[in-house]
Amino acid sequence: MEILQALMDKEQYGERFIEIVTRAKGDLSQTKFARELGVSSSTVQKWLAGNGFPSSENMDKIAKKAGLSGIDALRNYLKGEEVKSDSGDQPISPEEIFLLAKRLTKEQRKRLINLMLEDL
C-alpha cells in the first residue's frame, strides 16, 4: 500500500486513479458502486477527492471492474508503465489496449483505428 500512497502524492497519479475509479464505477450510482465494494459512498467520495486509498482487496476489485487484469496492471498504469497481461499467453483486455492507445499521438491513433477497421 505504501507504493500506491507514494504514487498518489503526485498529481498525475491521482488523476489516473480517479480515471480508473470512474471507469470502474461506470453507469452505477456512487452509492451502488460503494455497496458492491463493501464500503460507504463517502469512502468512494474520499478516494475521488484524493483523500484516501482503497484496501488492496478493493484496489483489485476496482482494477477488474475497470477492465484491467488486476492490481498489478493498475499499479503499472498508475506509474505510467506499459500495461501487460498478468495471465501469460492470454491477450490483454480491450480496456488495457485502450489505456495504451491513449498514450499514442493523434496520428498514431488514427492509424490504429484504420488497422482495426481493415481487420473486421
N, C-alpha and C. Protein backbone atom coordinates (compact mmCIF):
# COMPACT_ATOMS: atom_id res chain seq x y z
N MET A 1 0.82 -1.19 0.00
CA MET A 1 0.00 0.00 0.00
C MET A 1 0.86 1.25 0.00
N GLU A 2 2.07 1.20 0.56
CA GLU A 2 2.94 2.38 0.56
C GLU A 2 3.25 2.84 -0.86
N ILE A 3 3.41 1.88 -1.78
CA ILE A 3 3.70 2.22 -3.17
C ILE A 3 2.58 3.09 -3.73
N LEU A 4 1.34 2.67 -3.51
CA LEU A 4 0.22 3.43 -4.04
C LEU A 4 0.12 4.80 -3.38
N GLN A 5 0.37 4.87 -2.08
CA GLN A 5 0.30 6.16 -1.40
C GLN A 5 1.37 7.10 -1.92
N ALA A 6 2.57 6.59 -2.17
CA ALA A 6 3.64 7.42 -2.72
C ALA A 6 3.26 7.91 -4.11
N LEU A 7 2.64 7.05 -4.89
CA LEU A 7 2.22 7.44 -6.23
C LEU A 7 1.13 8.50 -6.18
N MET A 8 0.23 8.35 -5.24
CA MET A 8 -0.91 9.26 -5.17
C MET A 8 -0.49 10.66 -4.75
N ASP A 9 0.70 10.82 -4.18
CA ASP A 9 1.18 12.14 -3.80
C ASP A 9 1.41 13.01 -5.03
N LYS A 10 1.60 12.42 -6.16
CA LYS A 10 1.84 13.16 -7.39
C LYS A 10 0.52 13.34 -8.12
N GLU A 11 0.29 14.54 -8.61
CA GLU A 11 -0.97 14.87 -9.26
C GLU A 11 -1.32 13.94 -10.41
N GLN A 12 -0.35 13.61 -11.25
CA GLN A 12 -0.60 12.75 -12.41
C GLN A 12 -1.18 11.41 -11.98
N TYR A 13 -0.65 10.82 -10.93
CA TYR A 13 -1.12 9.52 -10.49
C TYR A 13 -2.51 9.63 -9.89
N GLY A 14 -2.77 10.73 -9.19
CA GLY A 14 -4.10 10.95 -8.64
C GLY A 14 -5.14 11.04 -9.73
N GLU A 15 -4.80 11.74 -10.81
CA GLU A 15 -5.72 11.86 -11.94
C GLU A 15 -5.96 10.50 -12.58
N ARG A 16 -4.91 9.72 -12.73
CA ARG A 16 -5.06 8.39 -13.31
C ARG A 16 -5.92 7.50 -12.42
N PHE A 17 -5.73 7.60 -11.11
CA PHE A 17 -6.51 6.78 -10.20
C PHE A 17 -7.98 7.17 -10.28
N ILE A 18 -8.26 8.46 -10.31
CA ILE A 18 -9.65 8.92 -10.41
C ILE A 18 -10.27 8.42 -11.71
N GLU A 19 -9.50 8.45 -12.79
CA GLU A 19 -9.98 7.94 -14.08
C GLU A 19 -10.36 6.47 -13.97
N ILE A 20 -9.53 5.68 -13.31
CA ILE A 20 -9.79 4.25 -13.17
C ILE A 20 -11.02 4.01 -12.30
N VAL A 21 -11.14 4.73 -11.18
CA VAL A 21 -12.31 4.56 -10.30
C VAL A 21 -13.57 4.94 -11.07
N THR A 22 -13.51 6.02 -11.82
CA THR A 22 -14.67 6.47 -12.60
C THR A 22 -15.03 5.43 -13.65
N ARG A 23 -14.03 4.86 -14.32
CA ARG A 23 -14.29 3.82 -15.31
C ARG A 23 -14.89 2.58 -14.64
N ALA A 24 -14.36 2.20 -13.48
CA ALA A 24 -14.87 1.03 -12.77
C ALA A 24 -16.32 1.25 -12.33
N LYS A 25 -16.63 2.46 -11.92
CA LYS A 25 -17.98 2.81 -11.47
C LYS A 25 -18.97 2.74 -12.62
N GLY A 26 -18.52 3.14 -13.81
CA GLY A 26 -19.39 3.09 -14.97
C GLY A 26 -20.65 3.89 -14.76
N ASP A 27 -21.78 3.29 -15.13
CA ASP A 27 -23.08 3.96 -15.02
C ASP A 27 -23.72 3.79 -13.64
N LEU A 28 -23.05 3.07 -12.76
CA LEU A 28 -23.61 2.86 -11.43
C LEU A 28 -23.61 4.16 -10.64
N SER A 29 -24.57 4.29 -9.75
CA SER A 29 -24.53 5.43 -8.83
C SER A 29 -23.36 5.21 -7.88
N GLN A 30 -22.90 6.27 -7.29
CA GLN A 30 -21.78 6.14 -6.35
C GLN A 30 -22.17 5.24 -5.19
N THR A 31 -23.40 5.33 -4.76
CA THR A 31 -23.89 4.50 -3.64
C THR A 31 -23.88 3.02 -4.01
N LYS A 32 -24.39 2.69 -5.21
CA LYS A 32 -24.42 1.29 -5.63
C LYS A 32 -23.00 0.75 -5.83
N PHE A 33 -22.13 1.57 -6.43
CA PHE A 33 -20.73 1.18 -6.62
C PHE A 33 -20.08 0.90 -5.26
N ALA A 34 -20.31 1.78 -4.30
CA ALA A 34 -19.76 1.62 -2.96
C ALA A 34 -20.25 0.32 -2.33
N ARG A 35 -21.54 0.04 -2.47
CA ARG A 35 -22.10 -1.19 -1.91
C ARG A 35 -21.43 -2.43 -2.51
N GLU A 36 -21.19 -2.40 -3.83
CA GLU A 36 -20.54 -3.55 -4.49
C GLU A 36 -19.14 -3.78 -3.94
N LEU A 37 -18.48 -2.70 -3.51
CA LEU A 37 -17.13 -2.82 -2.94
C LEU A 37 -17.16 -3.07 -1.43
N GLY A 38 -18.33 -2.91 -0.82
CA GLY A 38 -18.46 -3.12 0.62
C GLY A 38 -17.96 -1.93 1.43
N VAL A 39 -18.07 -0.73 0.85
CA VAL A 39 -17.67 0.49 1.56
C VAL A 39 -18.81 1.49 1.47
N SER A 40 -18.67 2.60 2.19
CA SER A 40 -19.70 3.64 2.15
C SER A 40 -19.49 4.55 0.95
N SER A 41 -20.55 5.24 0.59
CA SER A 41 -20.47 6.20 -0.51
C SER A 41 -19.48 7.32 -0.18
N SER A 42 -19.42 7.70 1.09
CA SER A 42 -18.47 8.76 1.48
C SER A 42 -17.02 8.29 1.33
N THR A 43 -16.79 7.00 1.48
CA THR A 43 -15.44 6.46 1.28
C THR A 43 -15.03 6.60 -0.18
N VAL A 44 -15.95 6.26 -1.09
CA VAL A 44 -15.66 6.41 -2.52
C VAL A 44 -15.42 7.87 -2.84
N GLN A 45 -16.22 8.76 -2.23
CA GLN A 45 -16.04 10.20 -2.46
C GLN A 45 -14.65 10.65 -2.00
N LYS A 46 -14.17 10.12 -0.89
CA LYS A 46 -12.82 10.46 -0.41
C LYS A 46 -11.76 10.02 -1.41
N TRP A 47 -11.93 8.83 -1.98
CA TRP A 47 -10.97 8.35 -2.97
C TRP A 47 -10.94 9.28 -4.17
N LEU A 48 -12.13 9.67 -4.63
CA LEU A 48 -12.23 10.54 -5.80
C LEU A 48 -11.67 11.93 -5.53
N ALA A 49 -11.68 12.33 -4.27
CA ALA A 49 -11.13 13.63 -3.89
C ALA A 49 -9.64 13.54 -3.56
N GLY A 50 -9.09 12.33 -3.60
CA GLY A 50 -7.67 12.15 -3.30
C GLY A 50 -7.36 12.16 -1.82
N ASN A 51 -8.37 11.89 -0.99
CA ASN A 51 -8.20 11.94 0.47
C ASN A 51 -8.20 10.57 1.13
N GLY A 52 -7.95 9.54 0.37
CA GLY A 52 -7.91 8.21 0.95
C GLY A 52 -7.56 7.19 -0.11
N PHE A 53 -7.32 5.97 0.35
CA PHE A 53 -6.91 4.90 -0.55
C PHE A 53 -7.68 3.64 -0.24
N PRO A 54 -8.11 2.93 -1.27
CA PRO A 54 -8.79 1.65 -1.04
C PRO A 54 -7.83 0.61 -0.48
N SER A 55 -8.40 -0.40 0.12
CA SER A 55 -7.60 -1.54 0.57
C SER A 55 -7.07 -2.26 -0.67
N SER A 56 -6.10 -3.12 -0.49
CA SER A 56 -5.57 -3.90 -1.61
C SER A 56 -6.67 -4.71 -2.27
N GLU A 57 -7.55 -5.28 -1.46
CA GLU A 57 -8.65 -6.07 -1.99
C GLU A 57 -9.56 -5.21 -2.88
N ASN A 58 -9.89 -4.01 -2.41
CA ASN A 58 -10.73 -3.13 -3.21
C ASN A 58 -10.00 -2.57 -4.42
N MET A 59 -8.68 -2.37 -4.30
CA MET A 59 -7.91 -1.93 -5.47
C MET A 59 -8.00 -2.99 -6.56
N ASP A 60 -7.92 -4.25 -6.18
CA ASP A 60 -8.02 -5.33 -7.16
C ASP A 60 -9.41 -5.35 -7.79
N LYS A 61 -10.46 -5.18 -6.97
CA LYS A 61 -11.83 -5.15 -7.50
C LYS A 61 -12.01 -3.98 -8.46
N ILE A 62 -11.49 -2.82 -8.09
CA ILE A 62 -11.60 -1.63 -8.93
C ILE A 62 -10.89 -1.86 -10.25
N ALA A 63 -9.69 -2.41 -10.18
CA ALA A 63 -8.92 -2.69 -11.40
C ALA A 63 -9.71 -3.59 -12.33
N LYS A 64 -10.26 -4.66 -11.80
CA LYS A 64 -11.01 -5.61 -12.63
C LYS A 64 -12.29 -5.00 -13.19
N LYS A 65 -12.98 -4.20 -12.38
CA LYS A 65 -14.19 -3.53 -12.87
C LYS A 65 -13.85 -2.52 -13.97
N ALA A 66 -12.63 -1.97 -13.93
CA ALA A 66 -12.20 -1.01 -14.95
C ALA A 66 -11.66 -1.72 -16.18
N GLY A 67 -11.62 -3.05 -16.16
CA GLY A 67 -11.17 -3.81 -17.32
C GLY A 67 -9.70 -4.16 -17.31
N LEU A 68 -9.02 -3.88 -16.21
CA LEU A 68 -7.62 -4.27 -16.09
C LEU A 68 -7.55 -5.69 -15.54
N SER A 69 -6.42 -6.33 -15.73
CA SER A 69 -6.31 -7.72 -15.31
C SER A 69 -6.14 -7.89 -13.81
N GLY A 70 -5.87 -6.85 -13.09
CA GLY A 70 -5.75 -6.94 -11.65
C GLY A 70 -4.94 -5.79 -11.09
N ILE A 71 -4.58 -5.92 -9.82
CA ILE A 71 -3.91 -4.83 -9.11
C ILE A 71 -2.53 -4.51 -9.69
N ASP A 72 -1.83 -5.53 -10.21
CA ASP A 72 -0.51 -5.25 -10.79
C ASP A 72 -0.63 -4.39 -12.04
N ALA A 73 -1.63 -4.67 -12.88
CA ALA A 73 -1.86 -3.84 -14.07
C ALA A 73 -2.25 -2.43 -13.67
N LEU A 74 -3.03 -2.31 -12.58
CA LEU A 74 -3.42 -0.99 -12.08
C LEU A 74 -2.19 -0.22 -11.60
N ARG A 75 -1.35 -0.88 -10.83
CA ARG A 75 -0.11 -0.22 -10.36
C ARG A 75 0.73 0.26 -11.54
N ASN A 76 0.88 -0.59 -12.55
CA ASN A 76 1.66 -0.21 -13.72
C ASN A 76 1.04 0.99 -14.41
N TYR A 77 -0.27 0.99 -14.55
CA TYR A 77 -0.94 2.12 -15.19
C TYR A 77 -0.73 3.40 -14.39
N LEU A 78 -0.87 3.31 -13.08
CA LEU A 78 -0.68 4.50 -12.23
C LEU A 78 0.74 5.04 -12.31
N LYS A 79 1.70 4.13 -12.49
CA LYS A 79 3.10 4.56 -12.60
C LYS A 79 3.46 4.99 -14.01
N GLY A 80 2.52 4.83 -14.95
CA GLY A 80 2.79 5.22 -16.33
C GLY A 80 3.55 4.17 -17.10
N GLU A 81 3.61 2.96 -16.56
CA GLU A 81 4.32 1.88 -17.24
C GLU A 81 3.39 1.16 -18.19
N GLU A 82 3.99 0.36 -19.04
CA GLU A 82 3.22 -0.42 -20.01
C GLU A 82 2.29 -1.37 -19.28
N VAL A 83 1.06 -1.44 -19.76
CA VAL A 83 0.08 -2.35 -19.19
C VAL A 83 0.26 -3.70 -19.85
N LYS A 84 0.52 -4.72 -19.04
CA LYS A 84 0.72 -6.07 -19.55
C LYS A 84 -0.28 -7.00 -18.91
N SER A 85 -0.56 -8.06 -19.60
CA SER A 85 -1.46 -9.07 -19.07
C SER A 85 -0.74 -9.86 -17.98
N ASP A 86 -1.46 -10.15 -16.90
CA ASP A 86 -0.90 -10.98 -15.83
C ASP A 86 -1.06 -12.45 -16.13
N SER A 87 -1.71 -12.77 -17.24
CA SER A 87 -2.10 -14.15 -17.47
C SER A 87 -1.28 -14.84 -18.55
N GLY A 88 -0.06 -14.45 -18.73
CA GLY A 88 0.82 -15.14 -19.65
C GLY A 88 0.42 -15.01 -21.09
N ASP A 89 -0.05 -16.11 -21.68
CA ASP A 89 -0.39 -16.14 -23.10
C ASP A 89 -1.72 -15.48 -23.43
N GLN A 90 -2.54 -15.24 -22.43
CA GLN A 90 -3.85 -14.64 -22.68
C GLN A 90 -3.67 -13.18 -23.11
N PRO A 91 -4.35 -12.76 -24.17
CA PRO A 91 -4.20 -11.37 -24.62
C PRO A 91 -4.74 -10.39 -23.58
N ILE A 92 -4.23 -9.17 -23.64
CA ILE A 92 -4.71 -8.17 -22.71
C ILE A 92 -6.11 -7.75 -23.12
N SER A 93 -6.85 -7.18 -22.18
CA SER A 93 -8.24 -6.82 -22.42
C SER A 93 -8.35 -5.60 -23.32
N PRO A 94 -9.51 -5.41 -23.95
CA PRO A 94 -9.71 -4.20 -24.75
C PRO A 94 -9.50 -2.92 -23.95
N GLU A 95 -9.88 -2.96 -22.67
CA GLU A 95 -9.70 -1.78 -21.83
C GLU A 95 -8.22 -1.46 -21.63
N GLU A 96 -7.40 -2.51 -21.48
CA GLU A 96 -5.96 -2.29 -21.34
C GLU A 96 -5.37 -1.76 -22.64
N ILE A 97 -5.86 -2.26 -23.75
CA ILE A 97 -5.40 -1.76 -25.05
C ILE A 97 -5.79 -0.29 -25.19
N PHE A 98 -6.99 0.04 -24.76
CA PHE A 98 -7.44 1.44 -24.81
C PHE A 98 -6.52 2.34 -23.99
N LEU A 99 -6.15 1.88 -22.80
CA LEU A 99 -5.25 2.68 -21.96
C LEU A 99 -3.91 2.90 -22.65
N LEU A 100 -3.43 1.88 -23.32
CA LEU A 100 -2.18 2.02 -24.08
C LEU A 100 -2.37 2.98 -25.25
N ALA A 101 -3.50 2.87 -25.94
CA ALA A 101 -3.75 3.70 -27.12
C ALA A 101 -3.86 5.17 -26.75
N LYS A 102 -4.28 5.46 -25.54
CA LYS A 102 -4.40 6.86 -25.11
C LYS A 102 -3.05 7.56 -25.09
N ARG A 103 -1.98 6.80 -25.04
CA ARG A 103 -0.64 7.39 -25.00
C ARG A 103 -0.10 7.70 -26.39
N LEU A 104 -0.82 7.26 -27.43
CA LEU A 104 -0.38 7.49 -28.79
C LEU A 104 -0.71 8.92 -29.24
N THR A 105 0.00 9.36 -30.25
CA THR A 105 -0.33 10.66 -30.84
C THR A 105 -1.64 10.51 -31.61
N LYS A 106 -2.21 11.62 -32.00
CA LYS A 106 -3.45 11.59 -32.76
C LYS A 106 -3.28 10.80 -34.07
N GLU A 107 -2.19 11.02 -34.75
CA GLU A 107 -1.93 10.30 -36.00
C GLU A 107 -1.77 8.80 -35.76
N GLN A 108 -1.10 8.43 -34.69
CA GLN A 108 -0.93 7.01 -34.38
C GLN A 108 -2.28 6.36 -34.05
N ARG A 109 -3.14 7.10 -33.34
CA ARG A 109 -4.47 6.56 -33.02
C ARG A 109 -5.30 6.37 -34.29
N LYS A 110 -5.20 7.34 -35.23
CA LYS A 110 -5.92 7.20 -36.50
C LYS A 110 -5.45 5.94 -37.23
N ARG A 111 -4.14 5.72 -37.26
CA ARG A 111 -3.58 4.54 -37.93
C ARG A 111 -4.07 3.26 -37.25
N LEU A 112 -4.09 3.25 -35.93
CA LEU A 112 -4.58 2.10 -35.18
C LEU A 112 -6.03 1.81 -35.52
N ILE A 113 -6.85 2.83 -35.57
CA ILE A 113 -8.26 2.66 -35.90
C ILE A 113 -8.40 2.09 -37.31
N ASN A 114 -7.65 2.63 -38.25
CA ASN A 114 -7.70 2.11 -39.62
C ASN A 114 -7.28 0.65 -39.68
N LEU A 115 -6.24 0.29 -38.96
CA LEU A 115 -5.80 -1.11 -38.94
C LEU A 115 -6.89 -2.02 -38.36
N MET A 116 -7.54 -1.55 -37.32
CA MET A 116 -8.60 -2.35 -36.70
C MET A 116 -9.79 -2.50 -37.65
N LEU A 117 -10.15 -1.43 -38.33
CA LEU A 117 -11.27 -1.49 -39.27
C LEU A 117 -10.96 -2.42 -40.44
N GLU A 118 -9.73 -2.39 -40.90
CA GLU A 118 -9.32 -3.26 -42.00
C GLU A 118 -9.41 -4.73 -41.62
N ASP A 119 -9.26 -5.01 -40.33
CA ASP A 119 -9.25 -6.39 -39.85
C ASP A 119 -10.66 -6.94 -39.60
N LEU A 120 -11.67 -6.09 -39.66
CA LEU A 120 -13.04 -6.55 -39.39
C LEU A 120 -13.61 -7.35 -40.54
